[in-house]
Amino acid sequence: MADGGDFYSKDRPENPRLAEDRPRGGGPEDRSTRTGPMHIWLWWVLLAVVILVLFFIFI
């Protein structure tokens, strides 16, 4: 049986580092910079759910 180093280095290319296959960072579709009606609507729904839960807990 071959050594660990010999076994894995046998079929490796000269430069085994892979090229970047996806861009890093955000673009126009980056969720962290997206603001709009969906974002505001989400917070209003969350607030309504919290108020309803508190209402039913304390009745």
PDB file of N, CA and C in Angstrom:
ATOM      1  N   MET A   1       0.846  -1.182   0.000  1.00  0.00           N
ATOM      2  CA  MET A   1       0.000   0.000   0.000  1.00  0.00           C
ATOM      3  C   MET A   1       0.891   1.244   0.000  1.00  0.00           C
ATOM      4  N   ALA A   2       0.468   2.260  -0.727  1.00  0.00           N
ATOM      5  CA  ALA A   2       1.276   3.473  -0.866  1.00  0.00           C
ATOM      6  C   ALA A   2       1.119   4.378   0.342  1.00  0.00           C
ATOM      7  N   ASP A   3       2.130   5.223   0.543  1.00  0.00           N
ATOM      8  CA  ASP A   3       2.047   6.235   1.604  1.00  0.00           C
ATOM      9  C   ASP A   3       0.916   7.198   1.297  1.00  0.00           C
ATOM     10  N   GLY A   4       0.447   7.926   2.332  1.00  0.00           N
ATOM     11  CA  GLY A   4      -0.617   8.903   2.134  1.00  0.00           C
ATOM     12  C   GLY A   4      -0.212   9.992   1.167  1.00  0.00           C
ATOM     13  N   GLY A   5       1.015  10.519   1.293  1.00  0.00           N
ATOM     14  CA  GLY A   5       1.468  11.579   0.400  1.00  0.00           C
ATOM     15  C   GLY A   5       1.637  11.101  -1.022  1.00  0.00           C
ATOM     16  N   ASP A   6       2.173   9.897  -1.192  1.00  0.00           N
ATOM     17  CA  ASP A   6       2.386   9.348  -2.528  1.00  0.00           C
ATOM     18  C   ASP A   6       1.064   9.017  -3.192  1.00  0.00           C
ATOM     19  N   PHE A   7       0.119   8.473  -2.440  1.00  0.00           N
ATOM     20  CA  PHE A   7      -1.170   8.076  -2.991  1.00  0.00           C
ATOM     21  C   PHE A   7      -1.934   9.279  -3.544  1.00  0.00           C
ATOM     22  N   TYR A   8      -1.976  10.366  -2.781  1.00  0.00           N
ATOM     23  CA  TYR A   8      -2.754  11.522  -3.201  1.00  0.00           C
ATOM     24  C   TYR A   8      -2.030  12.404  -4.207  1.00  0.00           C
ATOM     25  N   SER A   9      -0.742  12.368  -4.257  1.00  0.00           N
ATOM     26  CA  SER A   9      -0.019  13.231  -5.202  1.00  0.00           C
ATOM     27  C   SER A   9       0.128  12.588  -6.572  1.00  0.00           C
ATOM     28  N   LYS A  10      -0.207  11.348  -6.715  1.00  0.00           N
ATOM     29  CA  LYS A  10       0.003  10.632  -7.969  1.00  0.00           C
ATOM     30  C   LYS A  10      -0.785  11.229  -9.133  1.00  0.00           C
ATOM     31  N   ASP A  11      -2.056  11.496  -8.949  1.00  0.00           N
ATOM     32  CA  ASP A  11      -2.916  11.966 -10.043  1.00  0.00           C
ATOM     33  C   ASP A  11      -3.236  13.448  -9.980  1.00  0.00           C
ATOM     34  N   ARG A  12      -2.558  14.202  -9.149  1.00  0.00           N
ATOM     35  CA  ARG A  12      -2.853  15.636  -9.022  1.00  0.00           C
ATOM     36  C   ARG A  12      -2.172  16.424 -10.128  1.00  0.00           C
ATOM     37  N   PRO A  13      -2.801  17.473 -10.613  1.00  0.00           N
ATOM     38  CA  PRO A  13      -2.149  18.325 -11.616  1.00  0.00           C
ATOM     39  C   PRO A  13      -1.023  19.143 -10.990  1.00  0.00           C
ATOM     40  N   GLU A  14      -0.251  19.797 -11.832  1.00  0.00           N
ATOM     41  CA  GLU A  14       0.871  20.608 -11.348  1.00  0.00           C
ATOM     42  C   GLU A  14       0.383  21.728 -10.421  1.00  0.00           C
ATOM     43  N   ASN A  15      -0.687  22.392 -10.827  1.00  0.00           N
ATOM     44  CA  ASN A  15      -1.259  23.467 -10.015  1.00  0.00           C
ATOM     45  C   ASN A  15      -2.645  23.009  -9.567  1.00  0.00           C
ATOM     46  N   PRO A  16      -2.772  22.387  -8.398  1.00  0.00           N
ATOM     47  CA  PRO A  16      -4.053  21.793  -8.006  1.00  0.00           C
ATOM     48  C   PRO A  16      -5.095  22.790  -7.535  1.00  0.00           C
ATOM     49  N   ARG A  17      -4.764  24.070  -7.482  1.00  0.00           N
ATOM     50  CA  ARG A  17      -5.704  25.074  -7.009  1.00  0.00           C
ATOM     51  C   ARG A  17      -6.763  25.344  -8.077  1.00  0.00           C
ATOM     52  N   LEU A  18      -8.032  25.290  -7.695  1.00  0.00           N
ATOM     53  CA  LEU A  18      -9.127  25.517  -8.629  1.00  0.00           C
ATOM     54  C   LEU A  18      -9.360  27.012  -8.831  1.00  0.00           C
ATOM     55  N   ALA A  19      -9.789  27.327 -10.017  1.00  0.00           N
ATOM     56  CA  ALA A  19     -10.144  28.728 -10.305  1.00  0.00           C
ATOM     57  C   ALA A  19     -11.442  29.069  -9.582  1.00  0.00           C
ATOM     58  N   GLU A  20     -11.651  30.342  -9.303  1.00  0.00           N
ATOM     59  CA  GLU A  20     -12.870  30.790  -8.631  1.00  0.00           C
ATOM     60  C   GLU A  20     -14.051  30.514  -9.545  1.00  0.00           C
ATOM     61  N   ASP A  21     -15.039  29.780  -9.048  1.00  0.00           N
ATOM     62  CA  ASP A  21     -16.172  29.410  -9.887  1.00  0.00           C
ATOM     63  C   ASP A  21     -17.407  30.276  -9.656  1.00  0.00           C
ATOM     64  N   ARG A  22     -17.329  31.207  -8.733  1.00  0.00           N
ATOM     65  CA  ARG A  22     -18.455  32.121  -8.520  1.00  0.00           C
ATOM     66  C   ARG A  22     -17.923  33.472  -8.052  1.00  0.00           C
ATOM     67  N   PRO A  23     -18.586  34.522  -8.405  1.00  0.00           N
ATOM     68  CA  PRO A  23     -18.109  35.839  -7.999  1.00  0.00           C
ATOM     69  C   PRO A  23     -18.320  36.065  -6.507  1.00  0.00           C
ATOM     70  N   ARG A  24     -17.453  36.837  -5.929  1.00  0.00           N
ATOM     71  CA  ARG A  24     -17.600  37.195  -4.518  1.00  0.00           C
ATOM     72  C   ARG A  24     -18.181  38.593  -4.422  1.00  0.00           C
ATOM     73  N   GLY A  25     -18.847  38.841  -3.324  1.00  0.00           N
ATOM     74  CA  GLY A  25     -19.428  40.154  -3.132  1.00  0.00           C
ATOM     75  C   GLY A  25     -20.803  40.241  -3.756  1.00  0.00           C
ATOM     76  N   GLY A  26     -21.389  41.383  -3.640  1.00  0.00           N
ATOM     77  CA  GLY A  26     -22.747  41.560  -4.113  1.00  0.00           C
ATOM     78  C   GLY A  26     -22.814  42.257  -5.445  1.00  0.00           C
ATOM     79  N   GLY A  27     -23.966  42.222  -5.975  1.00  0.00           N
ATOM     80  CA  GLY A  27     -24.256  42.911  -7.215  1.00  0.00           C
ATOM     81  C   GLY A  27     -25.592  43.596  -7.055  1.00  0.00           C
ATOM     82  N   PRO A  28     -26.237  43.875  -8.143  1.00  0.00           N
ATOM     83  CA  PRO A  28     -27.555  44.518  -8.042  1.00  0.00           C
ATOM     84  C   PRO A  28     -28.575  43.651  -7.309  1.00  0.00           C
ATOM     85  N   GLU A  29     -28.374  42.339  -7.336  1.00  0.00           N
ATOM     86  CA  GLU A  29     -29.331  41.444  -6.695  1.00  0.00           C
ATOM     87  C   GLU A  29     -28.943  41.086  -5.266  1.00  0.00           C
ATOM     88  N   ASP A  30     -27.987  41.775  -4.698  1.00  0.00           N
ATOM     89  CA  ASP A  30     -27.541  41.499  -3.330  1.00  0.00           C
ATOM     90  C   ASP A  30     -28.666  41.800  -2.351  1.00  0.00           C
ATOM     91  N   ARG A  31     -29.020  40.818  -1.504  1.00  0.00           N
ATOM     92  CA  ARG A  31     -30.146  40.974  -0.586  1.00  0.00           C
ATOM     93  C   ARG A  31     -29.870  42.000   0.514  1.00  0.00           C
ATOM     94  N   SER A  32     -28.615  42.191   0.886  1.00  0.00           N
ATOM     95  CA  SER A  32     -28.319  43.114   1.978  1.00  0.00           C
ATOM     96  C   SER A  32     -28.562  44.569   1.592  1.00  0.00           C
ATOM     97  N   THR A  33     -28.523  44.881   0.322  1.00  0.00           N
ATOM     98  CA  THR A  33     -28.748  46.262  -0.115  1.00  0.00           C
ATOM     99  C   THR A  33     -30.163  46.481  -0.624  1.00  0.00           C
ATOM    100  N   ARG A  34     -30.970  45.408  -0.659  1.00  0.00           N
ATOM    101  CA  ARG A  34     -32.314  45.543  -1.207  1.00  0.00           C
ATOM    102  C   ARG A  34     -33.237  46.159  -0.162  1.00  0.00           C
ATOM    103  N   THR A  35     -33.849  47.250  -0.499  1.00  0.00           N
ATOM    104  CA  THR A  35     -34.884  47.844   0.342  1.00  0.00           C
ATOM    105  C   THR A  35     -36.060  48.158  -0.548  1.00  0.00           C
ATOM    106  N   GLY A  36     -37.225  47.987  -0.036  1.00  0.00           N
ATOM    107  CA  GLY A  36     -38.392  48.258  -0.854  1.00  0.00           C
ATOM    108  C   GLY A  36     -39.643  47.817  -0.140  1.00  0.00           C
ATOM    109  N   PRO A  37     -40.743  47.729  -0.878  1.00  0.00           N
ATOM    110  CA  PRO A  37     -42.032  47.408  -0.272  1.00  0.00           C
ATOM    111  C   PRO A  37     -42.045  46.043   0.411  1.00  0.00           C
ATOM    112  N   MET A  38     -41.353  45.070  -0.132  1.00  0.00           N
ATOM    113  CA  MET A  38     -41.335  43.738   0.472  1.00  0.00           C
ATOM    114  C   MET A  38     -40.732  43.793   1.868  1.00  0.00           C
ATOM    115  N   HIS A  39     -39.682  44.557   2.031  1.00  0.00           N
ATOM    116  CA  HIS A  39     -39.003  44.665   3.317  1.00  0.00           C
ATOM    117  C   HIS A  39     -39.925  45.308   4.359  1.00  0.00           C
ATOM    118  N   ILE A  40     -40.595  46.362   3.993  1.00  0.00           N
ATOM    119  CA  ILE A  40     -41.500  47.063   4.906  1.00  0.00           C
ATOM    120  C   ILE A  40     -42.703  46.189   5.241  1.00  0.00           C
ATOM    121  N   TRP A  41     -43.229  45.515   4.237  1.00  0.00           N
ATOM    122  CA  TRP A  41     -44.371  44.628   4.420  1.00  0.00           C
ATOM    123  C   TRP A  41     -44.032  43.500   5.382  1.00  0.00           C
ATOM    124  N   LEU A  42     -42.845  42.971   5.286  1.00  0.00           N
ATOM    125  CA  LEU A  42     -42.406  41.890   6.167  1.00  0.00           C
ATOM    126  C   LEU A  42     -42.389  42.339   7.625  1.00  0.00           C
ATOM    127  N   TRP A  43     -41.880  43.528   7.897  1.00  0.00           N
ATOM    128  CA  TRP A  43     -41.839  44.027   9.276  1.00  0.00           C
ATOM    129  C   TRP A  43     -43.236  44.286   9.828  1.00  0.00           C
ATOM    130  N   TRP A  44     -44.153  44.777   8.996  1.00  0.00           N
ATOM    131  CA  TRP A  44     -45.518  45.005   9.459  1.00  0.00           C
ATOM    132  C   TRP A  44     -46.212  43.693   9.796  1.00  0.00           C
ATOM    133  N   VAL A  45     -46.009  42.677   8.994  1.00  0.00           N
ATOM    134  CA  VAL A  45     -46.612  41.368   9.277  1.00  0.00           C
ATOM    135  C   VAL A  45     -46.018  40.786  10.552  1.00  0.00           C
ATOM    136  N   LEU A  46     -44.720  40.904  10.722  1.00  0.00           N
ATOM    137  CA  LEU A  46     -44.068  40.412  11.936  1.00  0.00           C
ATOM    138  C   LEU A  46     -44.612  41.132  13.169  1.00  0.00           C
ATOM    139  N   LEU A  47     -44.775  42.429  13.089  1.00  0.00           N
ATOM    140  CA  LEU A  47     -45.325  43.197  14.204  1.00  0.00           C
ATOM    141  C   LEU A  47     -46.763  42.773  14.511  1.00  0.00           C
ATOM    142  N   ALA A  48     -47.570  42.540  13.493  1.00  0.00           N
ATOM    143  CA  ALA A  48     -48.951  42.105  13.707  1.00  0.00           C
ATOM    144  C   ALA A  48     -49.001  40.731  14.380  1.00  0.00           C
ATOM    145  N   VAL A  49     -48.115  39.832  13.976  1.00  0.00           N
ATOM    146  CA  VAL A  49     -48.086  38.497  14.594  1.00  0.00           C
ATOM    147  C   VAL A  49     -47.687  38.600  16.061  1.00  0.00           C
ATOM    148  N   VAL A  50     -46.709  39.418  16.374  1.00  0.00           N
ATOM    149  CA  VAL A  50     -46.278  39.586  17.765  1.00  0.00           C
ATOM    150  C   VAL A  50     -47.412  40.173  18.601  1.00  0.00           C
ATOM    151  N   ILE A  51     -48.109  41.158  18.074  1.00  0.00           N
ATOM    152  CA  ILE A  51     -49.225  41.766  18.803  1.00  0.00           C
ATOM    153  C   ILE A  51     -50.338  40.743  19.031  1.00  0.00           C
ATOM    154  N   LEU A  52     -50.656  39.939  18.021  1.00  0.00           N
ATOM    155  CA  LEU A  52     -51.691  38.917  18.189  1.00  0.00           C
ATOM    156  C   LEU A  52     -51.287  37.859  19.206  1.00  0.00           C
ATOM    157  N   VAL A  53     -50.046  37.438  19.189  1.00  0.00           N
ATOM    158  CA  VAL A  53     -49.577  36.447  20.159  1.00  0.00           C
ATOM    159  C   VAL A  53     -49.666  37.018  21.566  1.00  0.00           C
ATOM    160  N   LEU A  54     -49.201  38.233  21.767  1.00  0.00           N
ATOM    161  CA  LEU A  54     -49.302  38.855  23.083  1.00  0.00           C
ATOM    162  C   LEU A  54     -50.752  39.036  23.514  1.00  0.00           C
ATOM    163  N   PHE A  55     -51.630  39.383  22.585  1.00  0.00           N
ATOM    164  CA  PHE A  55     -53.043  39.561  22.877  1.00  0.00           C
ATOM    165  C   PHE A  55     -53.647  38.260  23.383  1.00  0.00           C
ATOM    166  N   PHE A  56     -53.361  37.139  22.714  1.00  0.00           N
ATOM    167  CA  PHE A  56     -53.939  35.869  23.115  1.00  0.00           C
ATOM    168  C   PHE A  56     -53.291  35.296  24.375  1.00  0.00           C
ATOM    169  N   ILE A  57     -52.086  35.664  24.670  1.00  0.00           N
ATOM    170  CA  ILE A  57     -51.435  35.199  25.898  1.00  0.00           C
ATOM    171  C   ILE A  57     -52.050  35.886  27.112  1.00  0.00           C
ATOM    172  N   PHE A  58     -52.325  37.170  27.022  1.00  0.00           N
ATOM    173  CA  PHE A  58     -52.779  37.931  28.188  1.00  0.00           C
ATOM    174  C   PHE A  58     -54.304  38.062  28.273  1.00  0.00           C
ATOM    175  N   ILE A  59     -55.062  37.332  27.483  1.00  0.00           N
ATOM    176  CA  ILE A  59     -56.538  37.363  27.632  1.00  0.00           C
ATOM    177  C   ILE A  59     -56.969  36.297  28.590  1.00  0.00           C
TER     178      ILE A  59
END
